[in-house]
Structures are given as structure tokens and as C-alpha cells.
């Protein structure tokens, strides 16, 4: 057989095979069992492992916020100076700082203003010294180290304020607190009806 005949025969066979393959792929009545099996397998795989959609999610941001001390670069253990608004006083009440020893008839003190400090604030002097009179039957209370109040006489108050000012009072029996602050109640005429020593006000 000549080379030309061999090539012609091979070409004819290849063409026939290509035509048969094309007809099989396009035949709607052809065997589809393999395709269905592949589809079911693909469906099972898709259900078992959901396909990724969209771009990868970024790591969730932390919702924790730094504390005030940390955000300001301060030492968290160091007490802050923000003690909030000044305590509200009832009508007729005043916070006064003793400026001179009182007597049985007079209470010498200065008006105050509330100031913050690391110990929850205090009442600082504000203004000139004033002299207040005691109303008849005025009640006076001193505070002990347990923060309990005890009624005393005006004479005892006078002795206590004098000793606190000259630093001779017995701290175990009658402690002297900073600023010698008293909460006083005034009547309509401005006289003191009650005076209570305040702890570290």
C-alpha cells in the first residue's frame, strides 16, 4: 500500500470518529446517567462545603474601650481628680469652715466652695470671715473617728474649735478634721439652729 493510501485511510477514520463523538454529545436521547451522577456528586459537594462568596471578611474589631486612665496615659492606680458635682445642700444649709474659735454665742467661719481632690473633694475657704449667732436651743454635733455624731454643748464646741485651731485637741477623743468644716442650718433670720462637724469634707 502506498503512503498516500495510508494517509487517506487514517484521515477518513479520524473524521468518522469526530463525527460520531459530535453526534453522541448532541443526542438528547443519549445516555445521561453519567452526567446526572456527576451533577448529584457536585450538588453533594456544594451542600457539604459552601462555596466562598465575596471578599474575605476582615477580623472583627475589638469593642473594648481603653479606660480613662489608660487613654490619658496616666497610672490606673493613681486616684483621679474628678469627683463630680458638688453635693447639693438642702434649703437653709451652709457648709462653713471655722476660722476662729467659737464662743457660747458666736460662730466664726468662712463661706466655702466645693473643690475636687483625690479624696472625693473638700470644702475650701471662699470669702471673708463672718460671725454667726446661735438661735435659742441650737443643736451642735461633733463627729468621732467612727463617723458617728454626738451632741455637745456650745461651751464644748467652743473648746473643741479652739483646740483644733491651736493643735492641742486629743485626736483620739475629739479628732479635728481637715478645714474644720461644719454643715450649719440657718433660720430665716440667719441664726444657726444646728451645726454638725463634717468628716474630711
N, C-alpha and C. Protein backbone atom coordinates (compact mmCIF):
# COMPACT_ATOMS: atom_id res chain seq x y z
N UNK A 1 0.87 -1.19 0.00
CA UNK A 1 0.00 0.00 0.00
C UNK A 1 0.89 1.21 0.00
N UNK A 2 0.47 2.22 -0.80
CA UNK A 2 1.29 3.43 -0.91
C UNK A 2 1.08 4.33 0.30
N UNK A 3 2.02 5.23 0.53
CA UNK A 3 1.93 6.19 1.64
C UNK A 3 0.69 7.04 1.50
N UNK A 4 0.36 7.41 0.26
CA UNK A 4 -0.83 8.24 0.05
C UNK A 4 -2.07 7.49 0.48
N UNK A 5 -2.14 6.21 0.21
CA UNK A 5 -3.33 5.43 0.59
C UNK A 5 -3.46 5.32 2.09
N UNK A 6 -2.28 5.16 2.78
CA UNK A 6 -2.31 5.06 4.24
C UNK A 6 -2.81 6.35 4.88
N UNK A 7 -2.30 7.49 4.40
CA UNK A 7 -2.73 8.78 4.92
C UNK A 7 -4.20 9.01 4.67
N UNK A 8 -4.68 8.63 3.50
CA UNK A 8 -6.09 8.83 3.16
C UNK A 8 -6.98 8.01 4.08
N UNK A 9 -6.53 6.76 4.33
CA UNK A 9 -7.32 5.88 5.21
C UNK A 9 -7.37 6.43 6.64
N UNK A 10 -6.21 6.92 7.14
CA UNK A 10 -6.15 7.46 8.50
C UNK A 10 -7.01 8.71 8.65
N UNK A 11 -6.97 9.55 7.63
CA UNK A 11 -7.78 10.78 7.67
C UNK A 11 -9.25 10.46 7.70
N UNK A 12 -9.64 9.48 6.90
CA UNK A 12 -11.06 9.09 6.84
C UNK A 12 -11.52 8.55 8.19
N UNK A 13 -10.67 7.74 8.82
CA UNK A 13 -11.03 7.15 10.12
C UNK A 13 -11.16 8.23 11.19
N UNK A 14 -10.25 9.19 11.20
CA UNK A 14 -10.30 10.27 12.20
C UNK A 14 -11.54 11.12 12.04
N UNK A 15 -11.89 11.38 10.78
CA UNK A 15 -13.09 12.19 10.51
C UNK A 15 -14.34 11.48 10.99
N UNK A 16 -14.40 10.18 10.75
CA UNK A 16 -15.56 9.40 11.17
C UNK A 16 -15.69 9.39 12.69
N UNK A 17 -14.57 9.26 13.36
CA UNK A 17 -14.61 9.24 14.84
C UNK A 17 -15.08 10.58 15.39
N UNK A 18 -14.64 11.68 14.79
CA UNK A 18 -15.04 13.01 15.25
C UNK A 18 -16.52 13.22 15.06
N UNK A 19 -17.06 12.75 13.89
CA UNK A 19 -18.49 12.90 13.63
C UNK A 19 -19.30 12.10 14.64
N UNK A 20 -18.84 10.87 14.94
CA UNK A 20 -19.57 10.04 15.91
C UNK A 20 -19.59 10.67 17.29
N UNK A 21 -18.46 11.25 17.70
CA UNK A 21 -18.38 11.89 19.02
C UNK A 21 -19.31 13.09 19.10
N UNK A 22 -19.39 13.86 18.02
CA UNK A 22 -20.26 15.04 17.98
C UNK A 22 -21.72 14.65 18.08
N UNK A 23 -22.10 13.60 17.37
CA UNK A 23 -23.49 13.14 17.39
C UNK A 23 -23.88 12.61 18.77
N UNK A 24 -22.96 11.93 19.42
CA UNK A 24 -23.25 11.39 20.76
C UNK A 24 -23.48 12.51 21.77
N UNK A 25 -22.67 13.58 21.69
CA UNK A 25 -22.80 14.70 22.63
C UNK A 25 -24.08 15.46 22.43
N UNK A 26 -24.55 15.54 21.18
CA UNK A 26 -25.75 16.33 20.89
C UNK A 26 -27.01 15.51 20.94
N UNK A 27 -26.93 14.20 21.11
CA UNK A 27 -28.11 13.34 21.07
C UNK A 27 -28.89 13.47 22.37
N UNK A 28 -30.13 14.07 22.36
CA UNK A 28 -30.92 14.24 23.59
C UNK A 28 -31.37 12.92 24.18
N UNK A 29 -31.39 11.86 23.36
CA UNK A 29 -31.84 10.57 23.86
C UNK A 29 -30.68 9.73 24.35
N UNK A 30 -29.52 10.30 24.34
CA UNK A 30 -28.33 9.54 24.72
C UNK A 30 -28.33 9.24 26.20
N UNK A 31 -27.35 8.42 26.59
CA UNK A 31 -27.23 8.00 27.98
C UNK A 31 -26.77 9.18 28.83
N UNK A 32 -27.56 9.58 29.82
CA UNK A 32 -27.23 10.73 30.66
C UNK A 32 -26.93 10.31 32.09
N UNK A 33 -26.83 9.03 32.32
CA UNK A 33 -26.63 8.58 33.70
C UNK A 33 -25.34 9.11 34.28
N UNK A 34 -24.31 9.14 33.44
CA UNK A 34 -23.03 9.64 33.93
C UNK A 34 -23.11 11.11 34.27
N UNK A 35 -23.78 11.91 33.43
CA UNK A 35 -23.93 13.33 33.69
C UNK A 35 -24.73 13.59 34.95
N UNK A 36 -25.83 12.84 35.15
CA UNK A 36 -26.66 13.03 36.34
C UNK A 36 -25.88 12.69 37.59
N UNK A 37 -25.10 11.58 37.49
CA UNK A 37 -24.29 11.22 38.65
C UNK A 37 -23.30 12.29 38.99
N UNK A 38 -22.69 12.87 37.94
CA UNK A 38 -21.74 13.95 38.18
C UNK A 38 -22.42 15.14 38.82
N UNK A 39 -23.67 15.45 38.34
CA UNK A 39 -24.40 16.60 38.89
C UNK A 39 -24.73 16.36 40.35
N UNK A 40 -25.20 15.08 40.67
CA UNK A 40 -25.52 14.80 42.06
C UNK A 40 -24.29 14.90 42.94
N UNK A 41 -23.18 14.41 42.43
CA UNK A 41 -21.94 14.50 43.20
C UNK A 41 -21.54 15.93 43.43
N UNK A 42 -21.71 16.75 42.39
CA UNK A 42 -21.38 18.17 42.54
C UNK A 42 -22.29 18.83 43.55
N UNK A 43 -23.61 18.46 43.52
CA UNK A 43 -24.55 19.04 44.47
C UNK A 43 -24.21 18.66 45.90
N UNK A 44 -23.84 17.39 46.08
CA UNK A 44 -23.47 16.95 47.43
C UNK A 44 -22.26 17.70 47.94
N UNK A 45 -21.30 17.86 47.06
CA UNK A 45 -20.10 18.59 47.46
C UNK A 45 -20.42 20.03 47.80
N UNK A 46 -21.28 20.66 47.00
CA UNK A 46 -21.63 22.06 47.24
C UNK A 46 -22.38 22.20 48.56
N UNK A 47 -23.26 21.25 48.87
CA UNK A 47 -24.02 21.34 50.12
C UNK A 47 -23.13 21.10 51.32
N UNK A 48 -22.19 20.16 51.17
CA UNK A 48 -21.32 19.86 52.30
C UNK A 48 -20.34 20.96 52.60
N UNK A 49 -19.85 21.62 51.57
CA UNK A 49 -18.87 22.69 51.76
C UNK A 49 -19.33 23.91 51.00
N UNK A 50 -19.98 24.88 51.68
CA UNK A 50 -20.48 26.08 50.99
C UNK A 50 -19.35 26.80 50.30
N UNK A 51 -19.66 27.25 49.10
CA UNK A 51 -18.65 27.99 48.35
C UNK A 51 -18.45 29.36 48.95
N UNK A 52 -17.22 29.82 48.93
CA UNK A 52 -16.91 31.16 49.45
C UNK A 52 -17.47 32.20 48.52
N UNK A 53 -18.08 33.22 49.07
CA UNK A 53 -18.64 34.31 48.27
C UNK A 53 -18.05 35.62 48.71
N UNK A 54 -17.88 36.51 47.79
CA UNK A 54 -17.39 37.85 48.14
C UNK A 54 -15.94 37.81 48.57
N UNK A 55 -15.50 38.92 49.07
CA UNK A 55 -14.11 39.04 49.53
C UNK A 55 -13.98 38.49 50.93
N UNK A 56 -12.79 38.05 51.32
CA UNK A 56 -12.59 37.53 52.68
C UNK A 56 -12.97 38.56 53.73
N UNK A 57 -13.60 38.11 54.82
CA UNK A 57 -14.02 39.04 55.87
C UNK A 57 -12.82 39.49 56.69
N UNK A 58 -12.84 40.77 57.04
CA UNK A 58 -11.77 41.31 57.88
C UNK A 58 -11.98 40.86 59.31
N UNK A 59 -10.91 40.71 60.09
CA UNK A 59 -11.06 40.33 61.51
C UNK A 59 -11.95 41.31 62.25
N UNK A 60 -12.81 40.78 63.14
CA UNK A 60 -13.72 41.65 63.90
C UNK A 60 -12.93 42.59 64.79
N UNK A 61 -13.39 43.83 64.85
CA UNK A 61 -12.72 44.82 65.69
C UNK A 61 -13.11 44.63 67.14
N UNK A 62 -12.19 44.84 68.01
CA UNK A 62 -12.46 44.72 69.44
C UNK A 62 -13.37 45.85 69.89
N UNK A 63 -14.39 45.50 70.70
CA UNK A 63 -15.32 46.52 71.19
C UNK A 63 -14.87 47.13 72.51
N UNK A 64 -13.80 46.57 73.08
CA UNK A 64 -13.33 47.09 74.36
C UNK A 64 -12.73 48.47 74.18
N UNK A 65 -13.05 49.36 75.10
CA UNK A 65 -12.53 50.72 75.07
C UNK A 65 -11.54 50.91 76.19
N UNK A 66 -10.47 51.63 75.93
CA UNK A 66 -9.49 51.85 77.00
C UNK A 66 -10.10 52.67 78.11
N UNK A 67 -9.66 52.41 79.33
CA UNK A 67 -10.16 53.18 80.47
C UNK A 67 -9.67 54.60 80.38
N UNK A 68 -10.31 55.48 81.16
CA UNK A 68 -9.92 56.88 81.15
C UNK A 68 -8.47 57.06 81.49
N UNK A 69 -8.00 56.32 82.49
CA UNK A 69 -6.60 56.47 82.89
C UNK A 69 -5.68 56.00 81.79
N UNK A 70 -6.04 54.87 81.13
CA UNK A 70 -5.17 54.36 80.09
C UNK A 70 -5.15 55.28 78.89
N UNK A 71 -6.31 55.82 78.51
CA UNK A 71 -6.37 56.68 77.33
C UNK A 71 -5.61 57.97 77.54
N UNK A 72 -5.47 58.39 78.77
CA UNK A 72 -4.76 59.62 79.04
C UNK A 72 -3.31 59.38 79.40
N UNK A 73 -2.91 58.10 79.40
CA UNK A 73 -1.53 57.79 79.68
C UNK A 73 -1.18 57.87 81.14
N UNK A 74 -2.18 57.92 82.03
CA UNK A 74 -1.90 58.03 83.46
C UNK A 74 -1.80 56.67 84.11
N UNK A 75 -1.43 56.65 85.35
CA UNK A 75 -1.34 55.43 86.12
C UNK A 75 -2.73 55.05 86.59
N UNK A 76 -3.26 53.87 86.18
CA UNK A 76 -4.62 53.49 86.58
C UNK A 76 -4.80 53.43 88.09
N UNK A 77 -3.71 53.21 88.83
CA UNK A 77 -3.83 53.10 90.28
C UNK A 77 -3.85 54.46 90.96
N UNK A 78 -3.53 55.51 90.22
CA UNK A 78 -3.48 56.84 90.81
C UNK A 78 -4.88 57.42 90.90
N UNK A 79 -5.31 57.91 92.06
CA UNK A 79 -6.66 58.47 92.18
C UNK A 79 -6.86 59.68 91.28
N UNK A 80 -8.04 59.78 90.70
CA UNK A 80 -8.32 60.90 89.82
C UNK A 80 -8.79 62.12 90.57
N UNK A 81 -8.84 63.24 89.85
CA UNK A 81 -9.25 64.50 90.47
C UNK A 81 -10.72 64.80 90.18
N UNK A 82 -11.35 63.98 89.36
CA UNK A 82 -12.74 64.26 89.00
C UNK A 82 -13.67 63.60 90.01
N UNK A 83 -14.22 64.40 90.93
CA UNK A 83 -15.10 63.83 91.96
C UNK A 83 -16.55 64.21 91.70
N UNK A 84 -16.86 64.69 90.52
CA UNK A 84 -18.23 65.01 90.18
C UNK A 84 -18.68 66.37 90.68
N UNK A 85 -19.97 66.58 90.59
CA UNK A 85 -20.53 67.86 91.01
C UNK A 85 -20.55 67.99 92.53
N UNK A 86 -20.60 69.21 92.99
CA UNK A 86 -20.65 69.46 94.44
C UNK A 86 -21.94 68.89 95.02
N UNK A 87 -21.88 68.34 96.23
CA UNK A 87 -23.10 67.83 96.87
C UNK A 87 -24.15 68.93 96.98
N UNK A 88 -25.39 68.57 96.74
CA UNK A 88 -26.47 69.55 96.84
C UNK A 88 -26.91 69.69 98.30
N UNK A 89 -27.00 70.91 98.73
CA UNK A 89 -27.41 71.18 100.10
C UNK A 89 -28.89 71.55 100.15
N UNK A 90 -29.53 71.14 101.22
CA UNK A 90 -30.93 71.49 101.39
C UNK A 90 -31.08 72.98 101.65
N UNK A 91 -32.27 73.48 101.44
CA UNK A 91 -32.52 74.91 101.66
C UNK A 91 -32.16 75.30 103.09
N UNK A 92 -31.45 76.41 103.22
CA UNK A 92 -31.07 76.89 104.54
C UNK A 92 -29.79 76.29 105.08
N UNK A 93 -29.22 75.31 104.37
CA UNK A 93 -27.99 74.66 104.82
C UNK A 93 -26.77 75.36 104.20
N UNK A 94 -25.70 75.44 104.97
CA UNK A 94 -24.45 76.03 104.51
C UNK A 94 -23.29 75.15 104.97
N UNK A 95 -22.24 75.13 104.16
CA UNK A 95 -21.00 74.47 104.56
C UNK A 95 -20.02 75.58 104.91
N UNK A 96 -19.62 75.64 106.17
CA UNK A 96 -18.75 76.70 106.67
C UNK A 96 -17.48 76.12 107.27
N UNK A 97 -16.37 76.84 107.08
CA UNK A 97 -15.10 76.45 107.68
C UNK A 97 -14.79 77.37 108.86
N UNK A 98 -14.57 76.76 110.01
CA UNK A 98 -14.25 77.55 111.21
C UNK A 98 -12.96 78.34 110.98
N UNK A 99 -13.00 79.61 111.24
CA UNK A 99 -11.82 80.47 111.05
C UNK A 99 -11.26 80.98 112.37
N UNK A 100 -12.07 80.93 113.40
CA UNK A 100 -11.66 81.39 114.73
C UNK A 100 -12.50 80.65 115.76
N UNK A 101 -11.93 80.44 116.93
CA UNK A 101 -12.66 79.68 117.96
C UNK A 101 -14.02 80.30 118.24
N UNK A 102 -15.01 79.44 118.30
CA UNK A 102 -16.36 79.93 118.57
C UNK A 102 -16.52 80.22 120.06
N UNK A 103 -17.65 80.80 120.38
CA UNK A 103 -17.99 81.08 121.79
C UNK A 103 -19.38 80.52 122.05
N UNK A 104 -19.89 80.78 123.21
CA UNK A 104 -21.23 80.30 123.55
C UNK A 104 -22.31 81.04 122.77
N UNK A 105 -21.94 82.14 122.16
CA UNK A 105 -22.94 82.93 121.43
C UNK A 105 -22.59 83.17 119.96
N UNK A 106 -21.35 82.93 119.58
CA UNK A 106 -20.93 83.27 118.22
C UNK A 106 -20.14 82.14 117.55
N UNK A 107 -20.33 82.03 116.25
CA UNK A 107 -19.64 81.02 115.44
C UNK A 107 -18.92 81.76 114.32
N UNK A 108 -17.58 81.73 114.33
CA UNK A 108 -16.78 82.47 113.35
C UNK A 108 -16.33 81.52 112.23
N UNK A 109 -16.73 81.84 111.02
CA UNK A 109 -16.42 80.92 109.92
C UNK A 109 -16.43 81.65 108.58
N UNK A 110 -15.94 80.92 107.56
CA UNK A 110 -15.92 81.44 106.20
C UNK A 110 -16.84 80.61 105.31
N UNK A 111 -17.45 81.28 104.34
CA UNK A 111 -18.21 80.56 103.32
C UNK A 111 -17.24 79.66 102.56
N UNK A 112 -17.75 78.65 101.89
CA UNK A 112 -16.88 77.70 101.20
C UNK A 112 -17.34 77.45 99.76
N UNK A 113 -16.45 76.82 99.03
CA UNK A 113 -16.77 76.33 97.70
C UNK A 113 -16.23 74.92 97.59
N UNK A 114 -16.92 74.07 96.85
CA UNK A 114 -16.51 72.67 96.75
C UNK A 114 -15.41 72.52 95.72
N UNK A 115 -14.34 71.83 96.10
CA UNK A 115 -13.21 71.59 95.20
C UNK A 115 -12.88 70.10 95.18
N UNK A 116 -12.53 69.62 93.98
CA UNK A 116 -12.17 68.21 93.84
C UNK A 116 -10.75 67.95 94.32
N UNK A 117 -10.53 66.74 94.81
CA UNK A 117 -9.20 66.27 95.17
C UNK A 117 -9.22 64.74 95.10
N UNK A 118 -8.08 64.08 95.27
CA UNK A 118 -8.07 62.61 95.17
C UNK A 118 -8.92 61.90 96.22
N UNK A 119 -9.36 62.62 97.25
CA UNK A 119 -10.17 62.02 98.31
C UNK A 119 -11.63 62.44 98.23
N UNK A 120 -12.14 62.57 97.02
CA UNK A 120 -13.56 62.87 96.78
C UNK A 120 -13.98 64.29 97.07
N UNK A 121 -13.02 65.18 97.18
CA UNK A 121 -13.35 66.60 97.29
C UNK A 121 -13.41 67.13 98.70
N UNK A 122 -13.37 68.46 98.81
CA UNK A 122 -13.45 69.11 100.11
C UNK A 122 -14.06 70.50 99.94
N UNK A 123 -14.40 71.12 101.06
CA UNK A 123 -14.97 72.47 101.04
C UNK A 123 -13.86 73.44 101.41
N UNK A 124 -13.46 74.23 100.43
CA UNK A 124 -12.36 75.17 100.63
C UNK A 124 -12.89 76.56 100.98
N UNK A 125 -12.07 77.32 101.72
CA UNK A 125 -12.46 78.68 102.09
C UNK A 125 -12.78 79.51 100.85
N UNK A 126 -13.80 80.32 100.97
CA UNK A 126 -14.18 81.22 99.87
C UNK A 126 -14.83 82.46 100.48
N UNK A 127 -14.08 83.52 100.55
CA UNK A 127 -14.65 84.75 101.09
C UNK A 127 -14.11 85.09 102.47
N UNK A 128 -14.57 86.22 102.95
CA UNK A 128 -14.09 86.73 104.24
C UNK A 128 -14.79 86.03 105.40
N UNK A 129 -14.19 86.17 106.56
CA UNK A 129 -14.76 85.60 107.77
C UNK A 129 -16.06 86.31 108.14
N UNK A 130 -17.03 85.52 108.60
CA UNK A 130 -18.30 86.07 109.07
C UNK A 130 -18.59 85.52 110.46
N UNK A 131 -19.36 86.26 111.20
CA UNK A 131 -19.76 85.82 112.54
C UNK A 131 -21.25 85.52 112.55
N UNK A 132 -21.58 84.30 112.96
CA UNK A 132 -22.97 83.86 113.01
C UNK A 132 -23.39 83.70 114.46
N UNK A 133 -24.64 84.01 114.73
CA UNK A 133 -25.18 83.84 116.08
C UNK A 133 -25.93 82.52 116.17
N UNK A 134 -26.01 81.98 117.37
CA UNK A 134 -26.76 80.75 117.59
C UNK A 134 -28.20 81.09 117.99
N UNK A 135 -29.14 80.39 117.38
CA UNK A 135 -30.54 80.56 117.77
C UNK A 135 -30.76 79.85 119.11
N UNK A 136 -31.80 80.24 119.80
CA UNK A 136 -32.12 79.59 121.08
C UNK A 136 -32.36 78.10 120.85
N UNK A 137 -31.74 77.26 121.67
CA UNK A 137 -31.92 75.82 121.55
C UNK A 137 -31.13 75.19 120.40
N UNK A 138 -30.14 75.90 119.89
CA UNK A 138 -29.35 75.37 118.77
C UNK A 138 -28.70 74.03 119.14
N UNK A 139 -28.67 73.13 118.18
CA UNK A 139 -28.08 71.80 118.37
C UNK A 139 -26.70 71.78 117.73
N UNK A 140 -25.72 71.26 118.47
CA UNK A 140 -24.35 71.17 117.95
C UNK A 140 -23.89 69.72 118.05
N UNK A 141 -23.26 69.22 116.99
CA UNK A 141 -22.80 67.83 116.96
C UNK A 141 -21.34 67.76 116.51
N UNK A 142 -20.56 66.97 117.23
CA UNK A 142 -19.18 66.69 116.83
C UNK A 142 -19.12 65.26 116.29
N UNK A 143 -18.14 65.00 115.43
CA UNK A 143 -18.01 63.70 114.78
C UNK A 143 -16.77 62.98 115.28
N UNK A 144 -16.92 61.67 115.60
CA UNK A 144 -15.77 60.92 116.10
C UNK A 144 -15.10 60.14 114.97
N UNK A 145 -14.10 59.32 115.32
CA UNK A 145 -13.34 58.58 114.32
C UNK A 145 -14.15 57.48 113.64
N UNK A 146 -15.29 57.14 114.22
CA UNK A 146 -16.19 56.15 113.60
C UNK A 146 -17.24 56.84 112.74
N UNK A 147 -17.09 58.15 112.58
CA UNK A 147 -18.01 58.97 111.79
C UNK A 147 -19.39 59.06 112.43
N UNK A 148 -19.45 58.81 113.72
CA UNK A 148 -20.70 58.96 114.45
C UNK A 148 -20.73 60.35 115.08
N UNK A 149 -21.92 60.94 115.10
CA UNK A 149 -22.04 62.28 115.68
C UNK A 149 -22.53 62.20 117.13
N UNK A 150 -22.12 63.19 117.90
CA UNK A 150 -22.51 63.26 119.30
C UNK A 150 -22.86 64.70 119.66
N UNK A 151 -23.99 64.87 120.30
CA UNK A 151 -24.40 66.22 120.70
C UNK A 151 -23.50 66.74 121.82
N UNK A 152 -23.13 68.01 121.68
CA UNK A 152 -22.31 68.66 122.71
C UNK A 152 -22.91 70.03 123.00
N UNK A 153 -22.43 70.64 124.05
CA UNK A 153 -22.91 71.98 124.40
C UNK A 153 -22.15 73.03 123.59
N UNK A 154 -22.66 74.23 123.59
CA UNK A 154 -21.97 75.32 122.90
C UNK A 154 -20.60 75.58 123.53
N UNK A 155 -20.52 75.38 124.84
CA UNK A 155 -19.23 75.57 125.52
C UNK A 155 -18.23 74.51 125.06
N UNK A 156 -18.69 73.28 124.88
CA UNK A 156 -17.81 72.22 124.40
C UNK A 156 -17.38 72.46 122.96
N UNK A 157 -18.29 72.99 122.15
CA UNK A 157 -17.93 73.35 120.78
C UNK A 157 -16.85 74.42 120.79
N UNK A 158 -17.01 75.42 121.64
CA UNK A 158 -16.02 76.50 121.73
C UNK A 158 -14.65 75.94 122.11
N UNK A 159 -14.63 75.04 123.07
CA UNK A 159 -13.36 74.43 123.50
C UNK A 159 -12.74 73.61 122.36
N UNK A 160 -13.58 72.86 121.67
CA UNK A 160 -13.10 72.00 120.57
C UNK A 160 -12.51 72.82 119.43
N UNK A 161 -13.20 73.86 119.02
CA UNK A 161 -12.69 74.67 117.90
C UNK A 161 -11.39 75.37 118.29
N UNK A 162 -11.29 75.81 119.54
CA UNK A 162 -10.06 76.47 119.99
C UNK A 162 -8.88 75.50 119.96
N UNK A 163 -9.09 74.29 120.46
CA UNK A 163 -8.01 73.30 120.49
C UNK A 163 -7.64 72.81 119.08
N UNK A 164 -8.63 72.73 118.20
CA UNK A 164 -8.31 72.32 116.82
C UNK A 164 -7.46 73.37 116.12
N UNK A 165 -7.77 74.62 116.36
CA UNK A 165 -7.02 75.70 115.71
C UNK A 165 -5.59 75.82 116.23
N UNK A 166 -5.40 75.51 117.52
CA UNK A 166 -4.02 75.59 118.04
C UNK A 166 -3.37 74.20 118.18
N UNK A 167 -4.04 73.20 117.59
CA UNK A 167 -3.49 71.83 117.50
C UNK A 167 -3.19 71.20 118.86
N UNK A 168 -4.07 71.39 119.80
CA UNK A 168 -3.89 70.80 121.13
C UNK A 168 -5.01 69.82 121.49
N UNK A 169 -5.93 69.61 120.57
CA UNK A 169 -7.05 68.70 120.84
C UNK A 169 -6.55 67.25 120.83
N UNK A 170 -7.17 66.40 121.64
CA UNK A 170 -6.83 64.98 121.69
C UNK A 170 -7.47 64.29 120.48
N UNK A 171 -6.66 63.81 119.51
CA UNK A 171 -7.22 63.24 118.29
C UNK A 171 -8.00 61.95 118.52
N UNK A 172 -7.73 61.26 119.61
CA UNK A 172 -8.44 60.01 119.88
C UNK A 172 -9.83 60.26 120.45
N UNK A 173 -9.96 61.31 121.20
CA UNK A 173 -11.26 61.61 121.82
C UNK A 173 -12.11 62.52 120.94
N UNK A 174 -11.50 63.58 120.45
CA UNK A 174 -12.23 64.54 119.61
C UNK A 174 -11.34 64.94 118.43
N UNK A 175 -11.36 64.14 117.38
CA UNK A 175 -10.50 64.43 116.23
C UNK A 175 -10.86 65.74 115.55
N UNK A 176 -9.85 66.39 115.00
CA UNK A 176 -10.06 67.62 114.23
C UNK A 176 -9.90 67.28 112.76
N UNK A 177 -10.94 67.43 111.98
CA UNK A 177 -10.88 67.08 110.57
C UNK A 177 -10.42 68.28 109.73
N UNK A 178 -9.91 67.95 108.54
CA UNK A 178 -9.34 68.99 107.69
C UNK A 178 -10.34 70.10 107.40
N UNK A 179 -9.84 71.32 107.41
CA UNK A 179 -10.60 72.53 107.11
C UNK A 179 -11.63 72.91 108.18
N UNK A 180 -11.80 72.05 109.19
CA UNK A 180 -12.77 72.34 110.26
C UNK A 180 -14.13 72.74 109.66
N UNK A 181 -14.61 71.87 108.80
CA UNK A 181 -15.86 72.16 108.09
C UNK A 181 -17.08 71.72 108.90
N UNK A 182 -18.08 72.60 108.93
CA UNK A 182 -19.34 72.30 109.62
C UNK A 182 -20.49 72.55 108.65
N UNK A 183 -21.46 71.66 108.71
CA UNK A 183 -22.71 71.91 107.98
C UNK A 183 -23.67 72.57 108.96
N UNK A 184 -24.07 73.78 108.64
CA UNK A 184 -24.95 74.51 109.55
C UNK A 184 -26.30 74.75 108.89
N UNK A 185 -27.30 74.85 109.73
CA UNK A 185 -28.65 75.16 109.27
C UNK A 185 -29.01 76.53 109.82
N UNK A 186 -29.44 77.41 108.92
CA UNK A 186 -29.78 78.78 109.32
C UNK A 186 -31.29 78.97 109.29
N UNK A 187 -31.79 79.74 110.24
CA UNK A 187 -33.21 80.07 110.22
C UNK A 187 -33.43 81.30 109.34
N UNK A 188 -34.66 81.77 109.30
CA UNK A 188 -34.98 82.89 108.43
C UNK A 188 -34.21 84.15 108.76
N UNK A 189 -33.79 84.28 110.01
CA UNK A 189 -33.04 85.47 110.42
C UNK A 189 -31.53 85.31 110.25
N UNK A 190 -31.10 84.11 109.78
CA UNK A 190 -29.67 83.89 109.57
C UNK A 190 -28.94 83.33 110.77
N UNK A 191 -29.68 82.95 111.83
CA UNK A 191 -29.04 82.37 113.01
C UNK A 191 -28.89 80.85 112.85
N UNK A 192 -27.88 80.30 113.50
CA UNK A 192 -27.62 78.87 113.41
C UNK A 192 -28.56 78.10 114.34
N UNK A 193 -29.32 77.17 113.75
CA UNK A 193 -30.18 76.31 114.56
C UNK A 193 -29.54 74.93 114.77
N UNK A 194 -28.59 74.59 113.89
CA UNK A 194 -27.88 73.32 114.03
C UNK A 194 -26.52 73.43 113.36
N UNK A 195 -25.50 72.83 113.98
CA UNK A 195 -24.15 72.81 113.40
C UNK A 195 -23.57 71.42 113.61
N UNK A 196 -23.14 70.79 112.51
CA UNK A 196 -22.61 69.42 112.58
C UNK A 196 -21.21 69.38 111.97
N UNK A 197 -20.27 68.89 112.73
CA UNK A 197 -18.90 68.76 112.23
C UNK A 197 -18.87 67.69 111.14
N UNK A 198 -18.16 67.98 110.03
CA UNK A 198 -18.12 67.07 108.89
C UNK A 198 -16.75 66.41 108.77
N UNK A 199 -16.76 65.14 108.46
CA UNK A 199 -15.51 64.40 108.27
C UNK A 199 -14.91 64.69 106.91
N UNK A 200 -13.70 65.14 106.88
CA UNK A 200 -12.93 65.37 105.65
C UNK A 200 -13.80 65.89 104.53
N UNK A 201 -14.47 66.96 104.74
CA UNK A 201 -15.40 67.50 103.76
C UNK A 201 -14.67 68.20 102.64
